[in-house]
Amino acid sequence: MDILRIVCAIFLPPLGVFLQVGIGPQFWVNILLTLLGYIPGIVHAVWIIARR
């Protein structure tokens, strides 16, 4: 299941975070990072998925 989340995180970072933690502070941080720059959103999403 982590592979699917990582693939989702690469194409749509907030979706990967949502699948991992649901709607919470990390989800909103990821949306903000994705809006500010696509790469920071990807890095944050992969970090959240790999950490848990």
PDB file of N, CA and C in Angstrom:
ATOM      1  N   MET A   1       0.823  -1.196   0.000  1.00  0.00           N
ATOM      2  CA  MET A   1       0.000   0.000   0.000  1.00  0.00           C
ATOM      3  C   MET A   1       0.864   1.255   0.000  1.00  0.00           C
ATOM      4  N   ASP A   2       2.039   1.202   0.609  1.00  0.00           N
ATOM      5  CA  ASP A   2       2.919   2.371   0.612  1.00  0.00           C
ATOM      6  C   ASP A   2       3.381   2.738  -0.794  1.00  0.00           C
ATOM      7  N   ILE A   3       3.556   1.742  -1.656  1.00  0.00           N
ATOM      8  CA  ILE A   3       3.967   2.029  -3.032  1.00  0.00           C
ATOM      9  C   ILE A   3       2.895   2.871  -3.722  1.00  0.00           C
ATOM     10  N   LEU A   4       1.629   2.512  -3.541  1.00  0.00           N
ATOM     11  CA  LEU A   4       0.531   3.273  -4.131  1.00  0.00           C
ATOM     12  C   LEU A   4       0.501   4.695  -3.581  1.00  0.00           C
ATOM     13  N   ARG A   5       0.726   4.847  -2.301  1.00  0.00           N
ATOM     14  CA  ARG A   5       0.739   6.186  -1.700  1.00  0.00           C
ATOM     15  C   ARG A   5       1.887   7.031  -2.235  1.00  0.00           C
ATOM     16  N   ILE A   6       3.045   6.422  -2.418  1.00  0.00           N
ATOM     17  CA  ILE A   6       4.197   7.163  -2.939  1.00  0.00           C
ATOM     18  C   ILE A   6       3.959   7.580  -4.384  1.00  0.00           C
ATOM     19  N   VAL A   7       3.368   6.695  -5.183  1.00  0.00           N
ATOM     20  CA  VAL A   7       3.046   7.054  -6.571  1.00  0.00           C
ATOM     21  C   VAL A   7       2.039   8.197  -6.589  1.00  0.00           C
ATOM     22  N   CYS A   8       1.034   8.132  -5.738  1.00  0.00           N
ATOM     23  CA  CYS A   8       0.062   9.226  -5.634  1.00  0.00           C
ATOM     24  C   CYS A   8       0.753  10.512  -5.188  1.00  0.00           C
ATOM     25  N   ALA A   9       1.710  10.394  -4.275  1.00  0.00           N
ATOM     26  CA  ALA A   9       2.421  11.568  -3.767  1.00  0.00           C
ATOM     27  C   ALA A   9       3.266  12.221  -4.848  1.00  0.00           C
ATOM     28  N   ILE A  10       3.757  11.448  -5.792  1.00  0.00           N
ATOM     29  CA  ILE A  10       4.565  12.023  -6.861  1.00  0.00           C
ATOM     30  C   ILE A  10       3.682  12.781  -7.850  1.00  0.00           C
ATOM     31  N   PHE A  11       2.529  12.232  -8.188  1.00  0.00           N
ATOM     32  CA  PHE A  11       1.660  12.878  -9.166  1.00  0.00           C
ATOM     33  C   PHE A  11       0.742  13.932  -8.554  1.00  0.00           C
ATOM     34  N   LEU A  12       0.265  13.679  -7.352  1.00  0.00           N
ATOM     35  CA  LEU A  12      -0.624  14.620  -6.667  1.00  0.00           C
ATOM     36  C   LEU A  12      -0.319  14.541  -5.166  1.00  0.00           C
ATOM     37  N   PRO A  13       0.648  15.349  -4.695  1.00  0.00           N
ATOM     38  CA  PRO A  13       1.124  15.233  -3.310  1.00  0.00           C
ATOM     39  C   PRO A  13       0.044  15.271  -2.228  1.00  0.00           C
ATOM     40  N   PRO A  14      -0.951  16.161  -2.292  1.00  0.00           N
ATOM     41  CA  PRO A  14      -1.962  16.147  -1.218  1.00  0.00           C
ATOM     42  C   PRO A  14      -2.747  14.842  -1.141  1.00  0.00           C
ATOM     43  N   LEU A  15      -2.934  14.166  -2.267  1.00  0.00           N
ATOM     44  CA  LEU A  15      -3.649  12.894  -2.247  1.00  0.00           C
ATOM     45  C   LEU A  15      -2.864  11.843  -1.478  1.00  0.00           C
ATOM     46  N   GLY A  16      -1.552  11.794  -1.674  1.00  0.00           N
ATOM     47  CA  GLY A  16      -0.727  10.847  -0.933  1.00  0.00           C
ATOM     48  C   GLY A  16      -0.774  11.098   0.564  1.00  0.00           C
ATOM     49  N   VAL A  17      -0.740  12.359   0.951  1.00  0.00           N
ATOM     50  CA  VAL A  17      -0.817  12.704   2.374  1.00  0.00           C
ATOM     51  C   VAL A  17      -2.206  12.379   2.923  1.00  0.00           C
ATOM     52  N   PHE A  18      -3.244  12.668   2.146  1.00  0.00           N
ATOM     53  CA  PHE A  18      -4.601  12.357   2.584  1.00  0.00           C
ATOM     54  C   PHE A  18      -4.782  10.862   2.810  1.00  0.00           C
ATOM     55  N   LEU A  19      -4.238  10.045   1.931  1.00  0.00           N
ATOM     56  CA  LEU A  19      -4.354   8.601   2.097  1.00  0.00           C
ATOM     57  C   LEU A  19      -3.610   8.109   3.334  1.00  0.00           C
ATOM     58  N   GLN A  20      -2.573   8.825   3.728  1.00  0.00           N
ATOM     59  CA  GLN A  20      -1.777   8.409   4.890  1.00  0.00           C
ATOM     60  C   GLN A  20      -2.371   8.905   6.200  1.00  0.00           C
ATOM     61  N   VAL A  21      -2.711  10.196   6.287  1.00  0.00           N
ATOM     62  CA  VAL A  21      -3.106  10.778   7.579  1.00  0.00           C
ATOM     63  C   VAL A  21      -4.517  11.351   7.598  1.00  0.00           C
ATOM     64  N   GLY A  22      -5.195  11.409   6.466  1.00  0.00           N
ATOM     65  CA  GLY A  22      -6.524  12.002   6.423  1.00  0.00           C
ATOM     66  C   GLY A  22      -6.427  13.520   6.392  1.00  0.00           C
ATOM     67  N   ILE A  23      -7.568  14.158   6.668  1.00  0.00           N
ATOM     68  CA  ILE A  23      -7.576  15.627   6.666  1.00  0.00           C
ATOM     69  C   ILE A  23      -7.172  16.098   8.052  1.00  0.00           C
ATOM     70  N   GLY A  24      -6.007  16.677   8.114  1.00  0.00           N
ATOM     71  CA  GLY A  24      -5.453  17.170   9.366  1.00  0.00           C
ATOM     72  C   GLY A  24      -4.432  18.242   9.059  1.00  0.00           C
ATOM     73  N   PRO A  25      -3.657  18.625  10.041  1.00  0.00           N
ATOM     74  CA  PRO A  25      -2.675  19.695   9.826  1.00  0.00           C
ATOM     75  C   PRO A  25      -1.649  19.363   8.736  1.00  0.00           C
ATOM     76  N   GLN A  26      -1.186  18.116   8.689  1.00  0.00           N
ATOM     77  CA  GLN A  26      -0.191  17.742   7.679  1.00  0.00           C
ATOM     78  C   GLN A  26      -0.760  17.850   6.268  1.00  0.00           C
ATOM     79  N   PHE A  27      -2.032  17.546   6.109  1.00  0.00           N
ATOM     80  CA  PHE A  27      -2.688  17.672   4.802  1.00  0.00           C
ATOM     81  C   PHE A  27      -2.702  19.122   4.345  1.00  0.00           C
ATOM     82  N   TRP A  28      -3.071  20.038   5.241  1.00  0.00           N
ATOM     83  CA  TRP A  28      -3.143  21.449   4.875  1.00  0.00           C
ATOM     84  C   TRP A  28      -1.759  22.034   4.628  1.00  0.00           C
ATOM     85  N   VAL A  29      -0.759  21.585   5.395  1.00  0.00           N
ATOM     86  CA  VAL A  29       0.618  22.024   5.154  1.00  0.00           C
ATOM     87  C   VAL A  29       1.061  21.574   3.772  1.00  0.00           C
ATOM     88  N   ASN A  30       0.694  20.347   3.401  1.00  0.00           N
ATOM     89  CA  ASN A  30       1.089  19.842   2.094  1.00  0.00           C
ATOM     90  C   ASN A  30       0.407  20.604   0.969  1.00  0.00           C
ATOM     91  N   ILE A  31      -0.847  20.961   1.139  1.00  0.00           N
ATOM     92  CA  ILE A  31      -1.519  21.759   0.112  1.00  0.00           C
ATOM     93  C   ILE A  31      -0.813  23.107  -0.049  1.00  0.00           C
ATOM     94  N   LEU A  32      -0.457  23.728   1.060  1.00  0.00           N
ATOM     95  CA  LEU A  32       0.253  25.009   1.005  1.00  0.00           C
ATOM     96  C   LEU A  32       1.604  24.851   0.300  1.00  0.00           C
ATOM     97  N   LEU A  33       2.358  23.814   0.663  1.00  0.00           N
ATOM     98  CA  LEU A  33       3.658  23.591   0.022  1.00  0.00           C
ATOM     99  C   LEU A  33       3.511  23.288  -1.460  1.00  0.00           C
ATOM    100  N   THR A  34       2.481  22.554  -1.831  1.00  0.00           N
ATOM    101  CA  THR A  34       2.259  22.243  -3.240  1.00  0.00           C
ATOM    102  C   THR A  34       1.893  23.506  -4.019  1.00  0.00           C
ATOM    103  N   LEU A  35       1.119  24.384  -3.419  1.00  0.00           N
ATOM    104  CA  LEU A  35       0.781  25.633  -4.096  1.00  0.00           C
ATOM    105  C   LEU A  35       1.992  26.551  -4.234  1.00  0.00           C
ATOM    106  N   LEU A  36       2.877  26.524  -3.242  1.00  0.00           N
ATOM    107  CA  LEU A  36       4.079  27.356  -3.300  1.00  0.00           C
ATOM    108  C   LEU A  36       5.129  26.801  -4.261  1.00  0.00           C
ATOM    109  N   GLY A  37       5.131  25.497  -4.428  1.00  0.00           N
ATOM    110  CA  GLY A  37       6.068  24.855  -5.339  1.00  0.00           C
ATOM    111  C   GLY A  37       5.804  23.369  -5.359  1.00  0.00           C
ATOM    112  N   TYR A  38       5.762  22.805  -6.528  1.00  0.00           N
ATOM    113  CA  TYR A  38       5.385  21.402  -6.670  1.00  0.00           C
ATOM    114  C   TYR A  38       6.397  20.470  -5.982  1.00  0.00           C
ATOM    115  N   ILE A  39       7.675  20.749  -6.124  1.00  0.00           N
ATOM    116  CA  ILE A  39       8.726  19.894  -5.548  1.00  0.00           C
ATOM    117  C   ILE A  39       8.671  19.867  -4.019  1.00  0.00           C
ATOM    118  N   PRO A  40       8.523  20.999  -3.331  1.00  0.00           N
ATOM    119  CA  PRO A  40       8.391  20.920  -1.867  1.00  0.00           C
ATOM    120  C   PRO A  40       7.183  20.094  -1.420  1.00  0.00           C
ATOM    121  N   GLY A  41       6.105  20.144  -2.179  1.00  0.00           N
ATOM    122  CA  GLY A  41       4.936  19.329  -1.866  1.00  0.00           C
ATOM    123  C   GLY A  41       5.233  17.844  -1.999  1.00  0.00           C
ATOM    124  N   ILE A  42       5.972  17.478  -3.029  1.00  0.00           N
ATOM    125  CA  ILE A  42       6.351  16.070  -3.226  1.00  0.00           C
ATOM    126  C   ILE A  42       7.256  15.607  -2.095  1.00  0.00           C
ATOM    127  N   VAL A  43       8.255  16.401  -1.770  1.00  0.00           N
ATOM    128  CA  VAL A  43       9.201  16.027  -0.711  1.00  0.00           C
ATOM    129  C   VAL A  43       8.471  15.851   0.616  1.00  0.00           C
ATOM    130  N   HIS A  44       7.589  16.766   0.939  1.00  0.00           N
ATOM    131  CA  HIS A  44       6.838  16.671   2.187  1.00  0.00           C
ATOM    132  C   HIS A  44       5.952  15.434   2.189  1.00  0.00           C
ATOM    133  N   ALA A  45       5.279  15.160   1.089  1.00  0.00           N
ATOM    134  CA  ALA A  45       4.379  14.002   1.019  1.00  0.00           C
ATOM    135  C   ALA A  45       5.146  12.692   1.174  1.00  0.00           C
ATOM    136  N   VAL A  46       6.261  12.563   0.485  1.00  0.00           N
ATOM    137  CA  VAL A  46       7.057  11.336   0.600  1.00  0.00           C
ATOM    138  C   VAL A  46       7.613  11.197   2.008  1.00  0.00           C
ATOM    139  N   TRP A  47       8.006  12.311   2.619  1.00  0.00           N
ATOM    140  CA  TRP A  47       8.516  12.270   3.991  1.00  0.00           C
ATOM    141  C   TRP A  47       7.429  11.802   4.961  1.00  0.00           C
ATOM    142  N   ILE A  48       6.218  12.308   4.804  1.00  0.00           N
ATOM    143  CA  ILE A  48       5.097  11.901   5.673  1.00  0.00           C
ATOM    144  C   ILE A  48       4.807  10.402   5.496  1.00  0.00           C
ATOM    145  N   ILE A  49       4.806   9.941   4.254  1.00  0.00           N
ATOM    146  CA  ILE A  49       4.503   8.517   4.000  1.00  0.00           C
ATOM    147  C   ILE A  49       5.620   7.623   4.530  1.00  0.00           C
ATOM    148  N   ALA A  50       6.858   8.010   4.327  1.00  0.00           N
ATOM    149  CA  ALA A  50       7.988   7.176   4.769  1.00  0.00           C
ATOM    150  C   ALA A  50       8.146   7.177   6.284  1.00  0.00           C
ATOM    151  N   ARG A  51       7.731   8.252   6.925  1.00  0.00           N
ATOM    152  CA  ARG A  51       7.900   8.369   8.376  1.00  0.00           C
ATOM    153  C   ARG A  51       6.984   7.425   9.136  1.00  0.00           C
ATOM    154  N   ARG A  52       5.806   7.142   8.625  1.00  0.00           N
ATOM    155  CA  ARG A  52       4.842   6.327   9.351  1.00  0.00           C
ATOM    156  C   ARG A  52       4.938   4.886   8.952  1.00  0.00           C
TER     157      ARG A  52
END
